[in-house]
Amino acid sequence: MDGFILGFASFVIVLVPLVIIHEFGHFIAAKLSGITVLEFGIGFPPRAAVLFTRGDTIYTLNWLPIGGFVRPYGEDFVRQKSEEELSADRQEIIERSIENPKSVFQATPWQRLFFMAAGPGINFLAALVLYIVIALAGWPFLEADATITEIMPDSVAASADLQIGDIVRAVDGETTESAGEVDTLLEESDAETVSLLVERDGEELTIPVTLPENRVQYDDIERVYISGVYEDSPADDAGFESEDVIVAVTDSEGTTEITSVEQLQDYTDDHNNIEMIVTVVREGEVLEIPVTPEEVDGDPRMGIGIQPVGTLDIGAVAINRDTEVVPKALPPGEAIARGTEEFVDAHRALGELVSALFAGDIEPEAARPVSPVGIGQIGGPVLDRTLDEGAMYPIVMFAALISIALAITNLLPIPGLDGGRILFVIIELIRGKPMEPEREGVFHFIGLLFLLGLVAITVINDIVNPIDLSSLR
């Protein structure tokens, strides 16, 4: 599906409902505080239609599909109205026969604080609910069979009866479901020989394997597994194949053992248009393949998709660590615990991102503010993955994260945002009297201009410099 369509669809599916939920939080708080709400609008004016009227509130559909708004008696978009500006609201109240109206002006500071904080608050709540719902419906778990992808020549494993494609199901009678579990059991074993239960062509076989005295921990060595070769790329022309395992590279300065994806990427970066010899293992045979990385979008690339595979016995056996995401529904108690944990982790991750940015540990580009256009650019691939996998967790978890970001952003103490208005209420509580509406309005108006300018800049940046989630080395 077209990227623009997916991006726009993700914007409509994710951001618009979250903004409406945000405004609904303000609406509920106003009702609970006794503040008269004249209008609850879906979209922004101009008004397209009045949907219905319930109580003191008319519910409207508006032409600009960018969320929604609440129009309480006595407040406009950025500030409380002055007495002179209330005449239009009063006239509307008279025409609609609303009895005992209560304006924002008449609400206590604590009621206004509740009213203003309720929007971000319900966004936090929505994120928590979304995480719990996805845990009930199908939480994404990573599963990885311990599949042998390569056996190094002249190794202990080669002399045993292990074969490429074998899936390790147990070690000395202990059942294993992942490469990590195989790793742990081998590390903990003091025996010279272990018994591996492997699945081969649908049959289970028990194979004794002698472990070397100086075996290396599973996480100490990694190999690089080629998951795909891009057509007409340098790697394609050189003769690389999917499932090749890269073990070393050689240039004029000598041979370097490759033990991680990051190491190969850095090595490739340093060899733009410079030939290097890549040593791979293919079906038990060691091959040396010359290749010259070419610059693509400013970065040297060979044209291969790569991923790590763990190695055992000093590289004698390569075990696939590629994982498959499998959604699994959790019982209610576990779902609540898992959803709450993810909710807390999301806040921690956002906090660590900000800390890393100020500490200079990451590039500003990696933590740049994004506009609704940028959210669509991120959400498009997420929605595409949702459709491809037929599972809801990618788009729902993305929506939960955006809901948290929306809440935090609105709580920033910037005039024009909920956080800015909360700040003025706190100042009122400290001073014992409110600031004059006209004076407060100036601050909020300036803040609103700043926010509109920031949005305009981020929109232009996201259009001129689109967010690129792909990374091909």
Foldseek 3Di string as FASTA:
>chain_A
DDLVVLLVVLLLVFQQVLLQLLQVQLVVLCVVQQWQWAEKEQADDPFDAFPQDDQNYTYTYHDHRRHIHIHTQQADLFFGDDPVVNPVVVVVCVVVVHPPHDGPVNGALVSLLSSLLRSLVSLLVLLLVLLLVLQQVFDWDWFAFFFWLEFAPPAQVVVWPDFHGKTFQDKQPHGDGAPVVVLVVVVPDPDQKIWTWIADPNDTDIIITGADPPKDRQVVFKWKFFQFAAPPFQCVVQDDDHSWIWAWKADPVGIDGDGAPVVVQVVQQVQAQHKMWTWTADRNDIDTTITGFHDDPRGTARGTDIDIWTAIRVNRTTTDRDIDITIDRDPSVVSSVSSVVVSVVLVVVVVVVVVCVVVVVDDCVVVPDAASSQSSSVSSVLVVVCVVVVRDVSSSNSSSSVSNVVSVVLLPCQRSGSVVVSVQSVVCVVVVHHDDRVVSSVRNVVSVVVVVVVNVVNVVCCVVPPDDPDDHD
